[in-house]
Protein backbone atom coordinates (compact mmCIF):
# COMPACT_ATOMS: atom_id res chain seq x y z
CA MET A 1 25.57 436.33 246.79
CA PRO A 2 26.58 433.25 244.77
CA LEU A 3 27.30 430.03 246.62
CA PRO A 4 31.00 429.19 247.11
CA PRO A 5 32.52 426.26 245.20
CA ASP A 6 31.89 422.83 246.70
CA ARG A 7 35.23 421.63 248.10
CA SER A 8 33.92 418.43 249.69
CA HIS A 9 35.83 416.30 247.19
CA LEU A 10 39.20 417.54 248.51
CA LEU A 11 40.99 415.05 250.73
CA THR A 12 41.83 417.76 253.24
CA GLU A 13 38.11 418.58 253.67
CA GLN A 14 36.88 415.03 254.20
CA ARG A 15 36.10 413.43 257.56
CA ASN A 16 38.63 411.12 259.14
CA PRO A 17 36.96 407.80 260.05
CA ARG A 18 39.49 407.28 262.84
CA SER A 19 38.47 410.44 264.71
CA MET A 20 34.67 410.27 264.55
CA SER A 21 34.44 410.08 268.35
CA LEU A 22 36.94 412.92 268.91
CA HIS A 23 34.59 414.83 271.20
CA THR A 24 34.37 411.89 273.64
CA LEU A 25 38.12 411.30 274.05
CA SER A 26 40.17 411.99 277.16
CA ALA A 27 43.26 414.18 276.97
CA ALA A 28 45.49 411.10 276.80
CA GLU A 29 43.36 409.58 274.04
CA CYS A 30 43.47 412.83 272.03
CA VAL A 31 47.25 412.94 272.33
CA ALA A 32 47.56 409.31 271.21
CA LEU A 33 45.20 409.76 268.26
CA ILE A 34 46.87 412.92 266.99
CA ASN A 35 50.28 411.26 267.34
CA ARG A 36 49.17 408.23 265.31
CA GLU A 37 47.78 410.44 262.57
CA ASP A 38 50.90 412.60 262.47
CA ARG A 39 52.94 409.53 261.50
CA THR A 40 51.37 409.70 258.04
CA VAL A 41 53.16 413.01 257.43
CA LEU A 42 56.57 411.41 256.92
CA ASP A 43 55.09 408.90 254.50
CA ALA A 44 53.61 411.78 252.51
CA ILE A 45 56.96 413.57 252.37
CA GLU A 46 58.74 410.40 251.27
CA LYS A 47 56.19 409.78 248.52
CA ALA A 48 56.66 413.35 247.29
CA GLY A 49 60.47 412.95 247.25
CA PRO A 50 60.87 412.62 243.46
CA ALA A 51 58.67 415.67 242.82
CA LEU A 52 60.55 417.71 245.44
CA THR A 53 63.86 416.66 243.89
CA ALA A 54 62.73 417.67 240.40
CA LEU A 55 61.63 421.10 241.63
CA ILE A 56 64.88 421.73 243.53
CA GLN A 57 67.01 420.66 240.56
CA ALA A 58 65.07 423.02 238.29
CA ALA A 59 65.37 425.91 240.78
CA GLU A 60 69.05 425.41 241.61
CA PRO A 61 70.75 427.14 238.64
CA GLY A 62 68.74 430.32 239.04
CA PHE A 63 68.92 430.38 242.83
CA THR A 64 72.67 429.76 242.84
CA ALA A 65 73.05 432.79 240.58
CA ASP A 66 71.03 435.82 241.66
CA GLY A 67 67.57 434.28 241.65
CA ARG A 68 65.13 434.27 244.55
CA LEU A 69 62.85 431.76 246.23
CA ILE A 70 59.37 433.23 246.63
CA TYR A 71 56.54 431.60 248.60
CA VAL A 72 52.91 432.64 248.10
CA GLY A 73 50.11 431.45 250.36
CA ALA A 74 47.07 432.33 252.44
CA GLY A 75 46.21 431.49 256.05
CA THR A 76 48.35 428.74 257.55
CA SER A 77 50.06 428.08 254.22
CA GLY A 78 51.06 431.72 253.90
CA ARG A 79 52.33 431.87 257.47
CA LEU A 80 54.51 428.82 256.89
CA GLY A 81 56.01 430.41 253.79
CA VAL A 82 56.76 433.64 255.63
CA LEU A 83 58.28 431.65 258.51
CA ASP A 84 60.66 429.76 256.23
CA ALA A 85 61.62 432.97 254.43
CA SER A 86 62.26 434.84 257.69
CA GLU A 87 64.60 432.12 258.97
CA ALA A 88 66.86 432.17 255.91
CA PRO A 89 68.90 435.34 256.68
CA PRO A 90 69.99 434.41 260.23
CA THR A 91 70.65 430.76 259.33
CA PHE A 92 72.43 431.18 256.01
CA GLN A 93 73.45 434.85 256.01
CA VAL A 94 71.58 435.46 252.75
CA GLU A 95 70.69 439.01 251.91
CA PRO A 96 67.14 440.16 252.74
CA GLY A 97 64.93 439.38 249.77
CA LYS A 98 66.75 436.21 248.68
CA VAL A 99 63.88 434.18 250.14
CA VAL A 100 60.52 435.98 250.16
CA GLY A 101 57.20 435.07 251.77
CA LEU A 102 53.97 436.63 250.49
CA ILE A 103 50.74 436.11 252.44
CA ALA A 104 47.19 437.10 251.49
CA GLY A 105 46.30 440.15 253.55
CA GLY A 106 49.89 441.23 254.08
CA ASP A 107 52.00 441.06 257.22
CA SER A 108 49.02 441.80 259.48
CA ALA A 109 47.62 438.41 258.45
CA LEU A 110 50.49 436.73 260.30
CA ARG A 111 48.79 437.53 263.60
CA LYS A 112 45.20 438.33 262.70
CA SER A 113 43.24 436.03 260.44
CA SER A 114 42.28 437.56 257.09
CA GLU A 115 41.11 434.47 255.24
CA GLY A 116 38.71 436.54 253.11
CA LYS A 117 41.71 437.87 251.19
CA GLU A 118 42.46 434.40 249.85
CA ASP A 119 39.47 434.56 247.49
CA ASP A 120 41.03 437.28 245.33
CA PRO A 121 42.92 435.71 242.39
CA ASP A 122 44.47 439.10 241.64
CA GLY A 123 45.47 439.78 245.26
CA ALA A 124 49.19 439.14 244.85
CA ARG A 125 49.61 441.35 241.78
CA PRO A 126 51.09 444.43 243.56
CA GLU A 127 53.69 442.36 245.45
CA LEU A 128 54.64 440.31 242.39
CA ASP A 129 54.94 443.43 240.25
CA ALA A 130 57.20 445.01 242.87
CA LEU A 131 59.49 441.98 242.80
CA ASN A 132 60.29 442.40 239.07
CA LEU A 133 60.40 438.64 238.59
CA THR A 134 63.01 437.09 236.30
CA PRO A 135 63.50 433.57 234.88
CA ARG A 136 66.07 432.95 237.62
CA ASP A 137 63.39 433.26 240.32
CA THR A 138 61.23 430.43 241.65
CA VAL A 139 57.67 431.15 242.78
CA ILE A 140 56.07 428.44 244.92
CA GLY A 141 52.37 428.60 245.65
CA ILE A 142 51.26 426.87 248.85
CA ALA A 143 47.64 425.74 249.26
CA ALA A 144 46.66 422.77 251.40
CA GLY A 145 43.58 422.03 249.32
CA GLY A 146 45.19 423.16 246.09
CA THR A 147 42.33 425.47 245.14
CA THR A 148 43.03 428.82 246.85
CA PRO A 149 42.26 431.58 244.31
CA TYR A 150 44.93 433.94 245.71
CA VAL A 151 47.62 431.27 245.24
CA LEU A 152 46.50 429.96 241.84
CA GLY A 153 46.08 433.54 240.64
CA ALA A 154 49.59 434.41 241.79
CA LEU A 155 51.03 431.50 239.80
CA ARG A 156 49.11 432.58 236.68
CA LEU A 157 50.28 436.18 237.12
CA ALA A 158 53.89 435.07 237.52
CA LYS A 159 53.74 432.80 234.49
CA ALA A 160 52.15 435.52 232.36
CA ARG A 161 55.16 437.81 232.65
CA PRO A 162 57.25 438.34 229.48
CA ALA A 163 60.20 436.48 231.04
CA PRO A 164 58.45 434.21 233.54
CA PRO A 165 60.00 432.57 236.60
CA LEU A 166 59.92 428.88 237.45
CA THR A 167 56.66 428.09 239.25
CA ALA A 168 55.31 425.31 241.45
CA LEU A 169 52.30 424.45 243.59
CA ILE A 170 52.48 422.56 246.88
CA ALA A 171 49.16 421.00 247.90
CA CYS A 172 48.08 418.34 250.39
CA SER A 173 45.19 416.98 248.34
CA PRO A 174 45.50 415.38 244.90
CA VAL A 175 44.63 418.06 242.33
CA PRO A 176 45.47 418.52 238.65
CA ARG A 177 48.52 420.64 237.92
CA PRO A 178 47.21 424.18 237.43
CA SER A 179 48.05 426.05 234.25
CA GLY A 180 50.37 428.46 236.07
CA ALA A 181 52.54 425.78 237.68
CA ASP A 182 55.56 424.14 236.07
CA HIS A 183 55.78 421.69 238.97
CA LEU A 184 53.18 420.10 241.25
CA ILE A 185 54.09 418.73 244.70
CA ILE A 186 51.38 416.66 246.38
CA LEU A 187 51.80 415.94 250.10
CA GLU A 188 49.00 413.44 250.58
CA THR A 189 48.41 413.61 254.34
CA GLY A 190 44.76 412.53 254.24
CA PRO A 191 41.81 413.86 256.24
CA GLU A 192 42.64 415.75 259.40
CA VAL A 193 41.80 414.61 262.94
CA LEU A 194 39.69 417.76 263.16
CA THR A 195 37.91 417.94 259.81
CA GLY A 196 39.32 420.66 257.58
CA SER A 197 41.91 421.88 260.12
CA THR A 198 44.85 421.95 257.73
CA ARG A 199 47.08 423.62 260.33
CA MET A 200 47.55 420.04 261.58
CA LYS A 201 48.92 417.25 259.32
CA ALA A 202 48.84 419.34 256.16
CA GLY A 203 50.61 422.21 257.91
CA THR A 204 53.26 419.93 259.37
CA ALA A 205 53.94 418.30 256.00
CA THR A 206 54.10 421.69 254.31
CA LYS A 207 56.68 422.97 256.80
CA LEU A 208 58.81 419.87 256.24
CA ALA A 209 58.61 420.36 252.48
CA LEU A 210 59.58 424.04 252.70
CA ASN A 211 62.48 423.21 255.04
CA THR A 212 63.63 420.59 252.53
CA ILE A 213 63.44 422.95 249.55
CA SER A 214 65.16 425.95 251.14
CA THR A 215 67.84 424.00 253.01
CA THR A 216 68.75 421.91 249.97
CA LEU A 217 69.05 425.01 247.81
CA MET A 218 71.31 426.59 250.43
CA VAL A 219 73.46 423.44 250.54
CA ARG A 220 73.70 423.31 246.75
CA SER A 221 74.66 426.99 246.56
CA GLY A 222 77.63 426.48 248.90
CA ARG A 223 76.27 427.91 252.13
CA VAL A 224 76.98 424.72 254.07
CA TYR A 225 80.25 422.84 254.70
CA GLN A 226 79.95 419.26 255.92
CA ASN A 227 76.76 419.70 257.99
CA LEU A 228 77.71 423.07 259.47
CA MET A 229 76.13 426.47 258.77
CA VAL A 230 79.40 428.14 257.87
CA ASP A 231 77.73 431.24 256.45
CA LEU A 232 76.68 432.11 259.98
CA ARG A 233 77.75 435.53 261.21
CA ALA A 234 78.14 436.04 264.96
CA THR A 235 75.66 438.82 265.78
CA ASN A 236 74.47 437.80 269.28
CA ALA A 237 75.67 435.65 272.18
CA LYS A 238 74.04 432.43 270.97
CA LEU A 239 75.32 432.81 267.41
CA ARG A 240 78.74 433.89 268.64
CA ASP A 241 78.99 430.70 270.68
CA ARG A 242 77.84 428.55 267.75
CA ALA A 243 80.20 430.32 265.37
CA ALA A 244 83.16 429.75 267.67
CA ARG A 245 82.29 426.07 268.01
CA ILE A 246 82.16 425.73 264.23
CA VAL A 247 85.52 427.46 263.88
CA ALA A 248 87.01 425.24 266.59
CA THR A 249 85.62 422.12 264.93
CA LEU A 250 87.08 422.95 261.51
CA THR A 251 90.41 424.32 262.69
CA GLY A 252 91.19 422.28 265.80
CA LEU A 253 91.73 425.45 267.81
CA PRO A 254 90.85 425.70 271.52
CA ARG A 255 87.66 427.62 272.32
CA ASP A 256 89.41 430.84 273.41
CA ASP A 257 91.58 430.87 270.29
CA ALA A 258 88.53 430.24 268.11
CA PHE A 259 86.86 433.34 269.56
CA ALA A 260 89.98 435.41 268.94
CA LEU A 261 90.20 434.20 265.35
CA LEU A 262 86.52 434.90 264.83
CA ASP A 263 87.01 438.46 266.08
CA ASP A 264 89.95 438.91 263.69
CA ALA A 265 87.67 437.73 260.86
CA GLY A 266 84.97 440.28 261.68
CA GLY A 267 82.65 437.57 262.97
CA ALA A 268 82.57 435.72 259.63
CA VAL A 269 82.96 431.96 260.11
CA LYS A 270 84.13 431.16 256.57
CA THR A 271 86.70 433.91 256.63
CA ALA A 272 88.05 432.74 259.98
CA ILE A 273 88.41 429.15 258.79
CA VAL A 274 90.17 430.16 255.56
CA MET A 275 92.51 432.48 257.45
CA HIS A 276 93.63 429.67 259.73
CA ARG A 277 93.64 426.75 257.31
CA ARG A 278 95.41 428.66 254.52
CA GLY A 279 97.61 430.76 256.79
CA ILE A 280 96.57 434.07 255.23
CA PRO A 281 95.30 437.43 256.56
CA ARG A 282 91.66 438.48 256.55
CA ALA A 283 91.75 440.53 253.35
CA GLU A 284 93.36 437.70 251.40
CA ALA A 285 90.90 435.17 252.84
CA GLU A 286 87.95 437.36 251.83
CA ALA A 287 89.37 437.77 248.34
CA LEU A 288 89.85 434.02 248.00
CA LEU A 289 86.28 433.36 249.07
CA THR A 290 85.08 435.90 246.51
CA ARG A 291 87.15 434.18 243.81
CA THR A 292 85.66 430.80 244.67
CA GLY A 293 82.05 431.93 244.77
CA GLN A 294 81.95 431.93 248.58
CA ARG A 295 82.30 428.15 248.63
CA LEU A 296 84.41 427.09 251.61
CA ASP A 297 85.35 423.73 250.10
CA ALA A 298 86.73 425.44 247.00
CA ALA A 299 88.51 428.12 249.05
CA LEU A 300 90.30 425.46 251.06
CA ASP A 301 91.49 423.62 247.95
CA THR A 302 92.13 426.41 245.41
CA PRO A 303 95.70 427.66 244.83
CA LEU A 304 96.24 430.96 246.60
CA HIS A 305 97.27 432.68 243.36
CA GLY A 306 95.85 432.42 239.88
CA PRO A 307 92.31 431.81 238.58
CA ALA A 308 89.85 429.75 240.64
C-alpha cells in the first residue's frame, strides 16, 4: 500500500506551541487555554471578509433566481455543511433542496465516522449528477486542510459540466486555489489546541463562515425584513409564538389579535403583515407578494393595482 501524502506542512496539522503541556493542565486551565485560542477565530473570519463578500456577490444573482447553494465536505466539514443546509427550511421557509449538504459516506456519516470515504475524488459524482447542476447553482467545497480528495474532486466534477455552476473552496490552512474553484476562502485559525483536531477552531470558523454565506444570501433574496425572519411559517408552538411576536411588532397589534391575524393568513407571517398594513384580504395579499417577488418591503410600498 502506498504511503499517504505528507500533510505536515498544513497549518491545521501543525503543533500549537501554546498547548505543548496540554496533558498536565487542570480542568480550569484547559478551559482557559481553549477559550484564549478560540478568540483567534473571529480574527480569521474578519480577515476573510473580502473573500466571503466576493463569493456571496457572485452567488447572489443565481441564488435569488432558482439557483441552489450546495455544500460538499467530509468528516466535520461535511457535517457542518449538512447542518447549515438542514436549518435553512425552518428558518427561511425555503423549499427542500434550495440549500443542499453533501457529506462523504452519505447521511450515515453524520453519526458514524466514515473518514475513509474522503479519499475518493470521484465519491460525490452520483450526488452531483442527480442534482443536474446549472450555472445558477453555487457549489462550496469545505475542507479544513484544503486537500481532501472527495472535496477537491467534487469541485472538479462540478466545473467539468457543460454549463458549470459557480464553485468555491473554504479551507482553514493557506493553500493554492484549486483548479475546480472559482473562489477560495481561507479561514486562517492556526494550529489547534489538540494537534490536528479541526473540529475545534477550524470547525468553529467554518460554521461562522457558512452561517454568514447562507444568511446573507437569504437577506439579499428578500427573506428577511428589518432583522426579522418574516418567511417563517408557524408550524409548532415555538414558531407560532415567534410568528405572532413578529406580526405584533410590524403591525402594532396586541398579542391575541396577532394570533388571530396569523390564523387568517394561514400561518404565513408575510401574508398576515401585508393583509393588515395594506387593508386587504388574504388572497389579495398573497397575489401582491407574488407580484413583488415575495419581498415584504416591496409589497408594503407597491401600488395595489398595476405592475410591480
